PDB file of N, CA and C in Angstrom:
ATOM      1  N   MET A   1    -112.208  62.990-132.866  1.00  0.00           N
ATOM      2  CA  MET A   1    -111.193  63.650-132.083  1.00  0.00           C
ATOM      3  C   MET A   1    -110.112  62.625-131.738  1.00  0.00           C
ATOM      4  N   SER A   2    -108.880  63.018-131.799  1.00  0.00           N
ATOM      5  CA  SER A   2    -107.758  62.128-131.472  1.00  0.00           C
ATOM      6  C   SER A   2    -107.422  62.235-129.988  1.00  0.00           C
ATOM      7  N   GLU A   3    -107.186  61.107-129.395  1.00  0.00           N
ATOM      8  CA  GLU A   3    -106.850  61.048-127.980  1.00  0.00           C
ATOM      9  C   GLU A   3    -105.409  60.613-127.753  1.00  0.00           C
ATOM     10  N   CYS A   4    -104.862  59.863-128.709  1.00  0.00           N
ATOM     11  CA  CYS A   4    -103.559  59.254-128.472  1.00  0.00           C
ATOM     12  C   CYS A   4    -102.829  59.039-129.794  1.00  0.00           C
ATOM     13  N   PHE A   5    -101.546  59.239-129.777  1.00  0.00           N
ATOM     14  CA  PHE A   5    -100.673  58.869-130.888  1.00  0.00           C
ATOM     15  C   PHE A   5     -99.372  58.406-130.255  1.00  0.00           C
ATOM     16  N   ARG A   6     -99.022  57.120-130.451  1.00  0.00           N
ATOM     17  CA  ARG A   6     -97.823  56.577-129.808  1.00  0.00           C
ATOM     18  C   ARG A   6     -97.333  55.371-130.595  1.00  0.00           C
ATOM     19  N   TRP A   7     -96.141  54.878-130.208  1.00  0.00           N
ATOM     20  CA  TRP A   7     -95.607  53.647-130.794  1.00  0.00           C
ATOM     21  C   TRP A   7     -96.487  52.470-130.385  1.00  0.00           C
ATOM     22  N   ALA A   8     -96.654  51.502-131.279  1.00  0.00           N
ATOM     23  CA  ALA A   8     -97.350  50.265-130.955  1.00  0.00           C
ATOM     24  C   ALA A   8     -96.497  49.459-129.986  1.00  0.00           C
ATOM     25  N   GLU A   9     -97.141  48.651-129.171  1.00  0.00           N
ATOM     26  CA  GLU A   9     -96.419  47.833-128.184  1.00  0.00           C
ATOM     27  C   GLU A   9     -95.386  46.924-128.842  1.00  0.00           C
ATOM     28  N   ASP A  10     -95.682  46.402-130.051  1.00  0.00           N
ATOM     29  CA  ASP A  10     -94.732  45.508-130.713  1.00  0.00           C
ATOM     30  C   ASP A  10     -93.641  46.273-131.469  1.00  0.00           C
ATOM     31  N   GLY A  11     -93.692  47.609-131.442  1.00  0.00           N
ATOM     32  CA  GLY A  11     -92.669  48.424-132.080  1.00  0.00           C
ATOM     33  C   GLY A  11     -92.753  48.489-133.592  1.00  0.00           C
ATOM     34  N   GLY A  12     -93.764  47.858-134.166  1.00  0.00           N
ATOM     35  CA  GLY A  12     -93.860  47.779-135.617  1.00  0.00           C
ATOM     36  C   GLY A  12     -94.777  48.781-136.269  1.00  0.00           C
ATOM     37  N   GLY A  13     -95.111  49.832-135.591  1.00  0.00           N
ATOM     38  CA  GLY A  13     -95.996  50.840-136.171  1.00  0.00           C
ATOM     39  C   GLY A  13     -96.434  51.825-135.107  1.00  0.00           C
ATOM     40  N   TYR A  14     -97.529  52.497-135.376  1.00  0.00           N
ATOM     41  CA  TYR A  14     -98.053  53.517-134.472  1.00  0.00           C
ATOM     42  C   TYR A  14     -99.489  53.188-134.085  1.00  0.00           C
ATOM     43  N   ILE A  15     -99.891  53.648-132.931  1.00  0.00           N
ATOM     44  CA  ILE A  15    -101.275  53.539-132.476  1.00  0.00           C
ATOM     45  C   ILE A  15    -101.888  54.934-132.491  1.00  0.00           C
ATOM     46  N   VAL A  16    -103.077  55.028-133.064  1.00  0.00           N
ATOM     47  CA  VAL A  16    -103.862  56.254-133.034  1.00  0.00           C
ATOM     48  C   VAL A  16    -105.195  55.881-132.393  1.00  0.00           C
ATOM     49  N   ARG A  17    -105.579  56.618-131.385  1.00  0.00           N
ATOM     50  CA  ARG A  17    -106.851  56.363-130.715  1.00  0.00           C
ATOM     51  C   ARG A  17    -107.763  57.566-130.964  1.00  0.00           C
ATOM     52  N   LEU A  18    -108.946  57.267-131.495  1.00  0.00           N
ATOM     53  CA  LEU A  18    -109.919  58.299-131.860  1.00  0.00           C
ATOM     54  C   LEU A  18    -111.222  58.038-131.117  1.00  0.00           C
ATOM     55  N   TYR A  19    -112.005  59.086-130.891  1.00  0.00           N
ATOM     56  CA  TYR A  19    -113.303  58.874-130.252  1.00  0.00           C
ATOM     57  C   TYR A  19    -114.328  59.887-130.741  1.00  0.00           C
ATOM     58  N   GLU A  20    -115.599  59.522-130.563  1.00  0.00           N
ATOM     59  CA  GLU A  20    -116.726  60.376-130.915  1.00  0.00           C
ATOM     60  C   GLU A  20    -117.222  61.006-129.624  1.00  0.00           C
ATOM     61  N   ALA A  21    -117.270  62.319-129.557  1.00  0.00           N
ATOM     62  CA  ALA A  21    -117.646  63.010-128.321  1.00  0.00           C
ATOM     63  C   ALA A  21    -118.949  63.790-128.443  1.00  0.00           C
ATOM     64  N   GLY A  22    -119.629  63.700-129.573  1.00  0.00           N
ATOM     65  CA  GLY A  22    -120.798  64.540-129.795  1.00  0.00           C
ATOM     66  C   GLY A  22    -122.143  63.883-129.554  1.00  0.00           C
ATOM     67  N   ARG A  23    -122.144  62.705-128.942  1.00  0.00           N
ATOM     68  CA  ARG A  23    -123.390  61.996-128.617  1.00  0.00           C
ATOM     69  C   ARG A  23    -124.198  61.585-129.842  1.00  0.00           C
ATOM     70  N   SER A  24    -123.530  61.359-130.955  1.00  0.00           N
ATOM     71  CA  SER A  24    -124.256  60.955-132.155  1.00  0.00           C
ATOM     72  C   SER A  24    -123.396  60.031-133.002  1.00  0.00           C
ATOM     73  N   THR A  25    -124.036  59.372-133.942  1.00  0.00           N
ATOM     74  CA  THR A  25    -123.292  58.579-134.908  1.00  0.00           C
ATOM     75  C   THR A  25    -122.568  59.548-135.834  1.00  0.00           C
ATOM     76  N   ALA A  26    -121.333  59.217-136.175  1.00  0.00           N
ATOM     77  CA  ALA A  26    -120.536  60.121-137.003  1.00  0.00           C
ATOM     78  C   ALA A  26    -119.748  59.337-138.044  1.00  0.00           C
ATOM     79  N   GLN A  27    -119.556  59.952-139.192  1.00  0.00           N
ATOM     80  CA  GLN A  27    -118.710  59.434-140.253  1.00  0.00           C
ATOM     81  C   GLN A  27    -117.439  60.260-140.248  1.00  0.00           C
ATOM     82  N   ALA A  28    -116.312  59.599-140.418  1.00  0.00           N
ATOM     83  CA  ALA A  28    -115.037  60.315-140.492  1.00  0.00           C
ATOM     84  C   ALA A  28    -114.232  59.762-141.654  1.00  0.00           C
ATOM     85  N   GLU A  29    -113.612  60.649-142.394  1.00  0.00           N
ATOM     86  CA  GLU A  29    -112.668  60.247-143.426  1.00  0.00           C
ATOM     87  C   GLU A  29    -111.308  60.745-142.981  1.00  0.00           C
ATOM     88  N   ILE A  30    -110.385  59.812-142.829  1.00  0.00           N
ATOM     89  CA  ILE A  30    -109.056  60.135-142.315  1.00  0.00           C
ATOM     90  C   ILE A  30    -108.044  59.943-143.429  1.00  0.00           C
ATOM     91  N   THR A  31    -107.205  60.938-143.630  1.00  0.00           N
ATOM     92  CA  THR A  31    -106.146  60.871-144.632  1.00  0.00           C
ATOM     93  C   THR A  31    -104.823  60.628-143.915  1.00  0.00           C
ATOM     94  N   PHE A  32    -104.115  59.611-144.368  1.00  0.00           N
ATOM     95  CA  PHE A  32    -102.846  59.225-143.758  1.00  0.00           C
ATOM     96  C   PHE A  32    -101.676  59.661-144.628  1.00  0.00           C
ATOM     97  N   ALA A  33    -100.515  59.787-144.008  1.00  0.00           N
ATOM     98  CA  ALA A  33     -99.282  60.105-144.733  1.00  0.00           C
ATOM     99  C   ALA A  33     -98.985  59.006-145.743  1.00  0.00           C
ATOM    100  N   SER A  34     -98.250  59.352-146.769  1.00  0.00           N
ATOM    101  CA  SER A  34     -97.968  58.405-147.849  1.00  0.00           C
ATOM    102  C   SER A  34     -97.160  57.194-147.389  1.00  0.00           C
ATOM    103  N   ASN A  35     -96.448  57.287-146.259  1.00  0.00           N
ATOM    104  CA  ASN A  35     -95.658  56.138-145.805  1.00  0.00           C
ATOM    105  C   ASN A  35     -96.480  55.122-145.017  1.00  0.00           C
ATOM    106  N   VAL A  36     -97.760  55.389-144.751  1.00  0.00           N
ATOM    107  CA  VAL A  36     -98.625  54.419-144.070  1.00  0.00           C
ATOM    108  C   VAL A  36     -99.084  53.411-145.117  1.00  0.00           C
ATOM    109  N   LYS A  37     -98.690  52.155-144.927  1.00  0.00           N
ATOM    110  CA  LYS A  37     -98.997  51.098-145.894  1.00  0.00           C
ATOM    111  C   LYS A  37    -100.245  50.306-145.542  1.00  0.00           C
ATOM    112  N   SER A  38    -100.554  50.203-144.233  1.00  0.00           N
ATOM    113  CA  SER A  38    -101.757  49.479-143.830  1.00  0.00           C
ATOM    114  C   SER A  38    -102.281  50.038-142.513  1.00  0.00           C
ATOM    115  N   VAL A  39    -103.599  49.882-142.325  1.00  0.00           N
ATOM    116  CA  VAL A  39    -104.277  50.318-141.109  1.00  0.00           C
ATOM    117  C   VAL A  39    -105.169  49.183-140.657  1.00  0.00           C
ATOM    118  N   SER A  40    -105.133  48.899-139.359  1.00  0.00           N
ATOM    119  CA  SER A  40    -106.013  47.887-138.768  1.00  0.00           C
ATOM    120  C   SER A  40    -106.701  48.481-137.556  1.00  0.00           C
ATOM    121  N   GLU A  41    -107.974  48.135-137.383  1.00  0.00           N
ATOM    122  CA  GLU A  41    -108.670  48.503-136.163  1.00  0.00           C
ATOM    123  C   GLU A  41    -108.424  47.374-135.171  1.00  0.00           C
ATOM    124  N   CYS A  42    -108.143  47.719-133.918  1.00  0.00           N
ATOM    125  CA  CYS A  42    -107.842  46.697-132.913  1.00  0.00           C
ATOM    126  C   CYS A  42    -108.437  47.099-131.569  1.00  0.00           C
ATOM    127  N   SER A  43    -108.305  46.207-130.606  1.00  0.00           N
ATOM    128  CA  SER A  43    -108.780  46.487-129.255  1.00  0.00           C
ATOM    129  C   SER A  43    -107.821  47.451-128.557  1.00  0.00           C
ATOM    130  N   LEU A  44    -108.213  47.914-127.389  1.00  0.00           N
ATOM    131  CA  LEU A  44    -107.340  48.800-126.613  1.00  0.00           C
ATOM    132  C   LEU A  44    -106.021  48.130-126.262  1.00  0.00           C
ATOM    133  N   LEU A  45    -106.012  46.787-126.224  1.00  0.00           N
ATOM    134  CA  LEU A  45    -104.796  46.027-125.936  1.00  0.00           C
ATOM    135  C   LEU A  45    -104.032  45.655-127.208  1.00  0.00           C
ATOM    136  N   GLU A  46    -104.446  46.240-128.335  1.00  0.00           N
ATOM    137  CA  GLU A  46    -103.814  46.034-129.648  1.00  0.00           C
ATOM    138  C   GLU A  46    -103.974  44.598-130.142  1.00  0.00           C
ATOM    139  N   GLU A  47    -105.083  43.975-129.784  1.00  0.00           N
ATOM    140  CA  GLU A  47    -105.398  42.607-130.217  1.00  0.00           C
ATOM    141  C   GLU A  47    -106.607  42.639-131.146  1.00  0.00           C
ATOM    142  N   ASN A  48    -106.961  41.475-131.691  1.00  0.00           N
ATOM    143  CA  ASN A  48    -108.145  41.317-132.548  1.00  0.00           C
ATOM    144  C   ASN A  48    -108.133  42.317-133.703  1.00  0.00           C
ATOM    145  N   ARG A  49    -107.072  42.306-134.458  1.00  0.00           N
ATOM    146  CA  ARG A  49    -106.874  43.273-135.546  1.00  0.00           C
ATOM    147  C   ARG A  49    -107.762  42.955-136.742  1.00  0.00           C
ATOM    148  N   GLN A  50    -108.442  44.002-137.220  1.00  0.00           N
ATOM    149  CA  GLN A  50    -109.290  43.893-138.403  1.00  0.00           C
ATOM    150  C   GLN A  50    -108.815  44.941-139.408  1.00  0.00           C
ATOM    151  N   PRO A  51    -108.504  44.535-140.640  1.00  0.00           N
ATOM    152  CA  PRO A  51    -108.002  45.495-141.627  1.00  0.00           C
ATOM    153  C   PRO A  51    -109.020  46.598-141.920  1.00  0.00           C
ATOM    154  N   VAL A  52    -108.515  47.786-142.145  1.00  0.00           N
ATOM    155  CA  VAL A  52    -109.310  48.933-142.570  1.00  0.00           C
ATOM    156  C   VAL A  52    -108.941  49.204-144.023  1.00  0.00           C
ATOM    157  N   VAL A  53    -109.937  49.383-144.868  1.00  0.00           N
ATOM    158  CA  VAL A  53    -109.687  49.625-146.291  1.00  0.00           C
ATOM    159  C   VAL A  53    -109.115  51.028-146.483  1.00  0.00           C
ATOM    160  N   LEU A  54    -107.981  51.086-147.163  1.00  0.00           N
ATOM    161  CA  LEU A  54    -107.369  52.364-147.542  1.00  0.00           C
ATOM    162  C   LEU A  54    -107.585  52.581-149.029  1.00  0.00           C
ATOM    163  N   THR A  55    -108.117  53.741-149.384  1.00  0.00           N
ATOM    164  CA  THR A  55    -108.302  54.114-150.778  1.00  0.00           C
ATOM    165  C   THR A  55    -107.604  55.448-150.988  1.00  0.00           C
ATOM    166  N   ASN A  56    -106.537  55.417-151.773  1.00  0.00           N
ATOM    167  CA  ASN A  56    -105.727  56.627-152.008  1.00  0.00           C
ATOM    168  C   ASN A  56    -105.276  57.258-150.697  1.00  0.00           C
ATOM    169  N   GLY A  57    -104.873  56.413-149.744  1.00  0.00           N
ATOM    170  CA  GLY A  57    -104.367  56.899-148.464  1.00  0.00           C
ATOM    171  C   GLY A  57    -105.422  57.379-147.494  1.00  0.00           C
ATOM    172  N   LYS A  58    -106.701  57.105-147.794  1.00  0.00           N
ATOM    173  CA  LYS A  58    -107.805  57.551-146.935  1.00  0.00           C
ATOM    174  C   LYS A  58    -108.601  56.358-146.432  1.00  0.00           C
ATOM    175  N   ALA A  59    -109.130  56.501-145.213  1.00  0.00           N
ATOM    176  CA  ALA A  59    -109.987  55.472-144.617  1.00  0.00           C
ATOM    177  C   ALA A  59    -111.277  56.139-144.155  1.00  0.00           C
ATOM    178  N   SER A  60    -112.398  55.453-144.371  1.00  0.00           N
ATOM    179  CA  SER A  60    -113.690  55.937-143.885  1.00  0.00           C
ATOM    180  C   SER A  60    -114.085  55.108-142.672  1.00  0.00           C
ATOM    181  N   LEU A  61    -114.424  55.792-141.585  1.00  0.00           N
ATOM    182  CA  LEU A  61    -114.808  55.124-140.345  1.00  0.00           C
ATOM    183  C   LEU A  61    -116.157  55.630-139.884  1.00  0.00           C
ATOM    184  N   THR A  62    -116.939  54.750-139.269  1.00  0.00           N
ATOM    185  CA  THR A  62    -118.210  55.116-138.672  1.00  0.00           C
ATOM    186  C   THR A  62    -118.091  54.945-137.169  1.00  0.00           C
ATOM    187  N   PHE A  63    -118.504  55.954-136.434  1.00  0.00           N
ATOM    188  CA  PHE A  63    -118.449  55.937-134.971  1.00  0.00           C
ATOM    189  C   PHE A  63    -119.860  55.970-134.405  1.00  0.00           C
ATOM    190  N   ARG A  64    -120.114  55.132-133.415  1.00  0.00           N
ATOM    191  CA  ARG A  64    -121.349  55.208-132.630  1.00  0.00           C
ATOM    192  C   ARG A  64    -121.142  56.275-131.560  1.00  0.00           C
ATOM    193  N   PRO A  65    -122.219  56.731-130.911  1.00  0.00           N
ATOM    194  CA  PRO A  65    -122.044  57.731-129.847  1.00  0.00           C
ATOM    195  C   PRO A  65    -121.031  57.279-128.795  1.00  0.00           C
ATOM    196  N   PHE A  66    -120.071  58.114-128.512  1.00  0.00           N
ATOM    197  CA  PHE A  66    -119.024  57.899-127.502  1.00  0.00           C
ATOM    198  C   PHE A  66    -118.094  56.725-127.807  1.00  0.00           C
ATOM    199  N   GLU A  67    -118.106  56.206-129.017  1.00  0.00           N
ATOM    200  CA  GLU A  67    -117.250  55.064-129.360  1.00  0.00           C
ATOM    201  C   GLU A  67    -115.791  55.470-129.464  1.00  0.00           C
ATOM    202  N   ILE A  68    -114.918  54.592-128.970  1.00  0.00           N
ATOM    203  CA  ILE A  68    -113.470  54.752-129.076  1.00  0.00           C
ATOM    204  C   ILE A  68    -112.968  53.745-130.097  1.00  0.00           C
ATOM    205  N   LYS A  69    -112.127  54.190-131.020  1.00  0.00           N
ATOM    206  CA  LYS A  69    -111.503  53.283-131.991  1.00  0.00           C
ATOM    207  C   LYS A  69    -109.988  53.387-131.823  1.00  0.00           C
ATOM    208  N   THR A  70    -109.347  52.234-131.865  1.00  0.00           N
ATOM    209  CA  THR A  70    -107.898  52.153-131.809  1.00  0.00           C
ATOM    210  C   THR A  70    -107.416  51.651-133.161  1.00  0.00           C
ATOM    211  N   LEU A  71    -106.544  52.418-133.795  1.00  0.00           N
ATOM    212  CA  LEU A  71    -106.016  52.055-135.106  1.00  0.00           C
ATOM    213  C   LEU A  71    -104.526  51.789-135.016  1.00  0.00           C
ATOM    214  N   LEU A  72    -104.098  50.709-135.659  1.00  0.00           N
ATOM    215  CA  LEU A  72    -102.684  50.361-135.756  1.00  0.00           C
ATOM    216  C   LEU A  72    -102.230  50.714-137.179  1.00  0.00           C
ATOM    217  N   LEU A  73    -101.263  51.624-137.255  1.00  0.00           N
ATOM    218  CA  LEU A  73    -100.729  52.065-138.550  1.00  0.00           C
ATOM    219  C   LEU A  73     -99.384  51.407-138.782  1.00  0.00           C
ATOM    220  N   ARG A  74     -99.229  50.777-139.951  1.00  0.00           N
ATOM    221  CA  ARG A  74     -97.947  50.175-140.317  1.00  0.00           C
ATOM    222  C   ARG A  74     -97.361  50.931-141.497  1.00  0.00           C
ATOM    223  N   HIS A  75     -96.057  51.110-141.492  1.00  0.00           N
ATOM    224  CA  HIS A  75     -95.384  51.809-142.600  1.00  0.00           C
ATOM    225  C   HIS A  75     -94.398  50.904-143.265  1.00  0.00           C
TER     226      HIS A  75
END
């Protein structure tokens, strides 16, 4: 489930915040618009960025119960 979509603090992309609300581990495949060139998972403060693998504009994510993920999208 998406909780947030906004400009990144540095102005260089967008932040998408997703979370798992079903009390279980979940797999998600997210398809991004063609203008998204890179995706990084980061902290709530947009730090500690870790690249997310994009394959044909899609990313696979695993969520633990109640986990929140913050993604930084660059175009």
